[in-house]
Amino acid sequence: MTKASVEHADFTIERVFNSPPEQVFEAFADPAAHDRWFVKADNWPVAEYSHDFRIGGRESGRFSQDGKTFYFNETVYLDIVENKRIVSAYTMAKDEQRLSASIATVDLIPEGTGTRVVFTEQGAFLDGLDKVEYRREGWEQLIGFLAAELGEKAEPA
């Protein structure tokens, strides 16, 4: 049995997109767009997925690369300000083991005709089963998928 422990950590990722805030926000809000860049872009088979984008709404997914080990994501949207901000709380699990619990904020800041996306995550990484470095890498990849959805490359801030 793994000894119970928790590592508290946070990170911030910033990217500037040529797309306006309305278009970036829509990539999060629209179920079809969100499905393309957030759910299916890395080609993991999706066992289950739901997306209810509203304050109090829930998003959940179950994914597996090999059909044997499953990863679970459970999200609740805490605050949404159209074209400006998305705040969510989410947990990640591998099979039946909880890996982490996090609060994530996406700020959409107008920059010229484009948008500066500031993603901040504050996490509790549990029992040595996950690390902030892995989560940051995952979100950097997801933001790259978002860039592709928007038809552009994300450039570091």
C-alpha atoms as a PDB file:
ATOM      1  CA  MET A   1       0.000   0.000   0.000  1.00  0.00           C
ATOM      2  CA  THR A   2       1.263   3.471  -0.895  1.00  0.00           C
ATOM      3  CA  LYS A   3       1.796   5.818   2.027  1.00  0.00           C
ATOM      4  CA  ALA A   4      -0.682   8.690   1.930  1.00  0.00           C
ATOM      5  CA  SER A   5       0.991  11.941   0.881  1.00  0.00           C
ATOM      6  CA  VAL A   6       0.179  15.109  -0.985  1.00  0.00           C
ATOM      7  CA  GLU A   7       2.344  17.522  -2.971  1.00  0.00           C
ATOM      8  CA  HIS A   8       0.835  20.972  -3.456  1.00  0.00           C
ATOM      9  CA  ALA A   9       2.062  22.722  -6.585  1.00  0.00           C
ATOM     10  CA  ASP A  10       0.974  25.221  -9.185  1.00  0.00           C
ATOM     11  CA  PHE A  11       2.013  26.289 -12.640  1.00  0.00           C
ATOM     12  CA  THR A  12       1.070  28.847 -15.263  1.00  0.00           C
ATOM     13  CA  ILE A  13       1.259  28.556 -19.047  1.00  0.00           C
ATOM     14  CA  GLU A  14       0.839  31.600 -21.294  1.00  0.00           C
ATOM     15  CA  ARG A  15       0.334  31.601 -25.040  1.00  0.00           C
ATOM     16  CA  VAL A  16      -0.632  34.325 -27.466  1.00  0.00           C
ATOM     17  CA  PHE A  17      -3.036  33.409 -30.250  1.00  0.00           C
ATOM     18  CA  ASN A  18      -3.907  35.472 -33.313  1.00  0.00           C
ATOM     19  CA  SER A  19      -7.564  34.494 -32.799  1.00  0.00           C
ATOM     20  CA  PRO A  20      -9.857  36.893 -30.900  1.00  0.00           C
ATOM     21  CA  PRO A  21     -11.131  35.983 -27.400  1.00  0.00           C
ATOM     22  CA  GLU A  22     -14.562  35.043 -28.770  1.00  0.00           C
ATOM     23  CA  GLN A  23     -13.059  32.382 -31.026  1.00  0.00           C
ATOM     24  CA  VAL A  24     -10.806  30.983 -28.285  1.00  0.00           C
ATOM     25  CA  PHE A  25     -13.709  30.873 -25.824  1.00  0.00           C
ATOM     26  CA  GLU A  26     -15.864  29.068 -28.391  1.00  0.00           C
ATOM     27  CA  ALA A  27     -13.206  26.337 -28.695  1.00  0.00           C
ATOM     28  CA  PHE A  28     -13.832  25.596 -24.995  1.00  0.00           C
ATOM     29  CA  ALA A  29     -17.605  26.094 -25.042  1.00  0.00           C
ATOM     30  CA  ASP A  30     -18.666  24.356 -28.265  1.00  0.00           C
ATOM     31  CA  PRO A  31     -18.949  20.595 -27.666  1.00  0.00           C
ATOM     32  CA  ALA A  32     -17.769  19.637 -31.186  1.00  0.00           C
ATOM     33  CA  ALA A  33     -14.711  21.932 -31.070  1.00  0.00           C
ATOM     34  CA  HIS A  34     -13.844  20.878 -27.509  1.00  0.00           C
ATOM     35  CA  ASP A  35     -14.150  17.241 -28.538  1.00  0.00           C
ATOM     36  CA  ARG A  36     -11.663  17.724 -31.404  1.00  0.00           C
ATOM     37  CA  TRP A  37      -8.837  19.445 -29.486  1.00  0.00           C
ATOM     38  CA  PHE A  38      -9.365  18.347 -25.880  1.00  0.00           C
ATOM     39  CA  VAL A  39     -10.754  14.826 -26.157  1.00  0.00           C
ATOM     40  CA  LYS A  40      -9.640  13.220 -29.415  1.00  0.00           C
ATOM     41  CA  ALA A  41      -6.516  15.090 -30.588  1.00  0.00           C
ATOM     42  CA  ASP A  42      -4.063  12.676 -28.960  1.00  0.00           C
ATOM     43  CA  ASN A  43      -5.870   9.650 -30.486  1.00  0.00           C
ATOM     44  CA  TRP A  44      -6.549   7.844 -27.210  1.00  0.00           C
ATOM     45  CA  PRO A  45      -9.651   5.664 -27.479  1.00  0.00           C
ATOM     46  CA  VAL A  46     -12.510   7.296 -25.568  1.00  0.00           C
ATOM     47  CA  ALA A  47     -14.620   4.918 -23.494  1.00  0.00           C
ATOM     48  CA  GLU A  48     -16.975   7.636 -22.193  1.00  0.00           C
ATOM     49  CA  TYR A  49     -17.158  11.404 -22.379  1.00  0.00           C
ATOM     50  CA  SER A  50     -19.667  14.134 -21.474  1.00  0.00           C
ATOM     51  CA  HIS A  51     -19.351  17.927 -21.635  1.00  0.00           C
ATOM     52  CA  ASP A  52     -21.866  20.263 -19.938  1.00  0.00           C
ATOM     53  CA  PHE A  53     -20.264  23.694 -20.278  1.00  0.00           C
ATOM     54  CA  ARG A  54     -22.092  25.975 -17.831  1.00  0.00           C
ATOM     55  CA  ILE A  55     -21.564  27.147 -14.272  1.00  0.00           C
ATOM     56  CA  GLY A  56     -22.237  24.053 -12.162  1.00  0.00           C
ATOM     57  CA  GLY A  57     -21.992  21.867 -15.263  1.00  0.00           C
ATOM     58  CA  ARG A  58     -19.880  18.750 -15.286  1.00  0.00           C
ATOM     59  CA  GLU A  59     -17.441  17.202 -17.688  1.00  0.00           C
ATOM     60  CA  SER A  60     -16.273  13.632 -17.324  1.00  0.00           C
ATOM     61  CA  GLY A  61     -14.217  11.256 -19.370  1.00  0.00           C
ATOM     62  CA  ARG A  62     -12.756   7.782 -19.290  1.00  0.00           C
ATOM     63  CA  PHE A  63      -9.826   7.080 -21.621  1.00  0.00           C
ATOM     64  CA  SER A  64      -7.397   4.237 -22.263  1.00  0.00           C
ATOM     65  CA  GLN A  65      -4.439   3.810 -24.604  1.00  0.00           C
ATOM     66  CA  ASP A  66      -4.302   0.034 -24.249  1.00  0.00           C
ATOM     67  CA  GLY A  67      -7.825  -0.979 -23.180  1.00  0.00           C
ATOM     68  CA  LYS A  68      -6.442  -2.210 -19.836  1.00  0.00           C
ATOM     69  CA  THR A  69      -5.481   0.876 -17.839  1.00  0.00           C
ATOM     70  CA  PHE A  70      -8.165   3.582 -17.689  1.00  0.00           C
ATOM     71  CA  TYR A  71      -7.798   7.250 -16.795  1.00  0.00           C
ATOM     72  CA  PHE A  72     -10.752   9.195 -15.435  1.00  0.00           C
ATOM     73  CA  ASN A  73     -11.359  12.939 -15.426  1.00  0.00           C
ATOM     74  CA  GLU A  74     -14.188  14.507 -13.407  1.00  0.00           C
ATOM     75  CA  THR A  75     -14.637  18.283 -13.780  1.00  0.00           C
ATOM     76  CA  VAL A  76     -17.106  20.831 -12.440  1.00  0.00           C
ATOM     77  CA  TYR A  77     -17.252  24.360 -13.877  1.00  0.00           C
ATOM     78  CA  LEU A  78     -17.152  26.857 -11.001  1.00  0.00           C
ATOM     79  CA  ASP A  79     -17.167  30.148 -12.916  1.00  0.00           C
ATOM     80  CA  ILE A  80     -17.564  31.107 -16.561  1.00  0.00           C
ATOM     81  CA  VAL A  81     -17.428  34.669 -17.877  1.00  0.00           C
ATOM     82  CA  GLU A  82     -18.037  34.549 -21.623  1.00  0.00           C
ATOM     83  CA  ASN A  83     -14.945  35.425 -23.667  1.00  0.00           C
ATOM     84  CA  LYS A  84     -12.977  36.232 -20.486  1.00  0.00           C
ATOM     85  CA  ARG A  85     -12.588  33.448 -17.912  1.00  0.00           C
ATOM     86  CA  ILE A  86     -13.220  29.766 -17.143  1.00  0.00           C
ATOM     87  CA  VAL A  87     -12.616  28.326 -13.665  1.00  0.00           C
ATOM     88  CA  SER A  88     -13.000  24.605 -13.014  1.00  0.00           C
ATOM     89  CA  ALA A  89     -12.170  22.035 -10.366  1.00  0.00           C
ATOM     90  CA  TYR A  90     -11.195  18.567 -11.483  1.00  0.00           C
ATOM     91  CA  THR A  91      -9.887  15.231 -10.320  1.00  0.00           C
ATOM     92  CA  MET A  92      -7.842  12.682 -12.202  1.00  0.00           C
ATOM     93  CA  ALA A  93      -7.698   8.948 -11.452  1.00  0.00           C
ATOM     94  CA  LYS A  94      -5.931   5.919 -12.892  1.00  0.00           C
ATOM     95  CA  ASP A  95      -8.179   2.899 -12.620  1.00  0.00           C
ATOM     96  CA  GLU A  96      -9.462   3.202  -9.034  1.00  0.00           C
ATOM     97  CA  GLN A  97      -6.577   5.313  -7.666  1.00  0.00           C
ATOM     98  CA  ARG A  98      -7.088   9.053  -7.322  1.00  0.00           C
ATOM     99  CA  LEU A  99      -4.036  10.867  -8.776  1.00  0.00           C
ATOM    100  CA  SER A 100      -4.858  14.516  -8.151  1.00  0.00           C
ATOM    101  CA  ALA A 101      -7.370  17.241  -7.406  1.00  0.00           C
ATOM    102  CA  SER A 102      -6.941  20.653  -9.013  1.00  0.00           C
ATOM    103  CA  ILE A 103      -8.399  24.090  -9.606  1.00  0.00           C
ATOM    104  CA  ALA A 104      -7.738  25.382 -13.125  1.00  0.00           C
ATOM    105  CA  THR A 105      -8.281  28.899 -14.449  1.00  0.00           C
ATOM    106  CA  VAL A 106      -8.235  29.953 -18.090  1.00  0.00           C
ATOM    107  CA  ASP A 107      -7.964  33.734 -18.521  1.00  0.00           C
ATOM    108  CA  LEU A 108      -8.598  35.136 -22.010  1.00  0.00           C
ATOM    109  CA  ILE A 109      -6.982  38.554 -22.287  1.00  0.00           C
ATOM    110  CA  PRO A 110      -7.357  40.644 -25.450  1.00  0.00           C
ATOM    111  CA  GLU A 111      -3.977  41.417 -26.972  1.00  0.00           C
ATOM    112  CA  GLY A 112      -4.185  43.498 -30.140  1.00  0.00           C
ATOM    113  CA  THR A 113      -6.557  41.561 -32.397  1.00  0.00           C
ATOM    114  CA  GLY A 114      -5.613  38.305 -30.688  1.00  0.00           C
ATOM    115  CA  THR A 115      -5.780  36.696 -27.270  1.00  0.00           C
ATOM    116  CA  ARG A 116      -3.319  35.985 -24.498  1.00  0.00           C
ATOM    117  CA  VAL A 117      -4.395  32.722 -22.859  1.00  0.00           C
ATOM    118  CA  VAL A 118      -3.181  32.366 -19.278  1.00  0.00           C
ATOM    119  CA  PHE A 119      -3.774  28.875 -17.902  1.00  0.00           C
ATOM    120  CA  THR A 120      -3.108  28.443 -14.173  1.00  0.00           C
ATOM    121  CA  GLU A 121      -3.463  25.196 -12.271  1.00  0.00           C
ATOM    122  CA  GLN A 122      -3.250  24.754  -8.504  1.00  0.00           C
ATOM    123  CA  GLY A 123      -3.028  21.075  -7.715  1.00  0.00           C
ATOM    124  CA  ALA A 124      -2.847  18.530  -4.958  1.00  0.00           C
ATOM    125  CA  PHE A 125      -0.849  15.608  -6.380  1.00  0.00           C
ATOM    126  CA  LEU A 126      -1.586  12.509  -4.347  1.00  0.00           C
ATOM    127  CA  ASP A 127       0.543   9.668  -2.987  1.00  0.00           C
ATOM    128  CA  GLY A 128       3.403  10.189  -5.447  1.00  0.00           C
ATOM    129  CA  LEU A 129       1.211   8.880  -8.293  1.00  0.00           C
ATOM    130  CA  ASP A 130       1.328  12.097 -10.348  1.00  0.00           C
ATOM    131  CA  LYS A 131       3.657  15.075 -10.585  1.00  0.00           C
ATOM    132  CA  VAL A 132       3.211  18.724 -11.449  1.00  0.00           C
ATOM    133  CA  GLU A 133       5.768  18.296 -14.279  1.00  0.00           C
ATOM    134  CA  TYR A 134       3.603  15.645 -15.950  1.00  0.00           C
ATOM    135  CA  ARG A 135       0.485  17.788 -15.647  1.00  0.00           C
ATOM    136  CA  ARG A 136       2.242  20.832 -17.076  1.00  0.00           C
ATOM    137  CA  GLU A 137       3.489  18.763 -20.041  1.00  0.00           C
ATOM    138  CA  GLY A 138      -0.049  17.494 -20.606  1.00  0.00           C
ATOM    139  CA  TRP A 139      -1.502  20.993 -20.620  1.00  0.00           C
ATOM    140  CA  GLU A 140       1.244  22.308 -22.898  1.00  0.00           C
ATOM    141  CA  GLN A 141       0.279  19.571 -25.345  1.00  0.00           C
ATOM    142  CA  LEU A 142      -3.432  20.405 -24.988  1.00  0.00           C
ATOM    143  CA  ILE A 143      -2.757  24.095 -25.648  1.00  0.00           C
ATOM    144  CA  GLY A 144      -0.878  23.028 -28.778  1.00  0.00           C
ATOM    145  CA  PHE A 145      -3.980  21.058 -29.831  1.00  0.00           C
ATOM    146  CA  LEU A 146      -6.060  24.190 -29.125  1.00  0.00           C
ATOM    147  CA  ALA A 147      -3.734  26.135 -31.440  1.00  0.00           C
ATOM    148  CA  ALA A 148      -4.332  23.577 -34.197  1.00  0.00           C
ATOM    149  CA  GLU A 149      -8.101  23.843 -33.612  1.00  0.00           C
ATOM    150  CA  LEU A 150      -7.789  27.601 -34.089  1.00  0.00           C
ATOM    151  CA  GLY A 151      -5.795  27.068 -37.286  1.00  0.00           C
ATOM    152  CA  GLU A 152      -2.565  28.509 -35.943  1.00  0.00           C
ATOM    153  CA  LYS A 153       0.529  27.752 -33.936  1.00  0.00           C
ATOM    154  CA  ALA A 154       0.691  28.926 -30.339  1.00  0.00           C
ATOM    155  CA  GLU A 155       3.718  31.020 -29.594  1.00  0.00           C
ATOM    156  CA  PRO A 156       5.197  31.212 -26.100  1.00  0.00           C
ATOM    157  CA  ALA A 157       4.472  34.487 -24.324  1.00  0.00           C
END
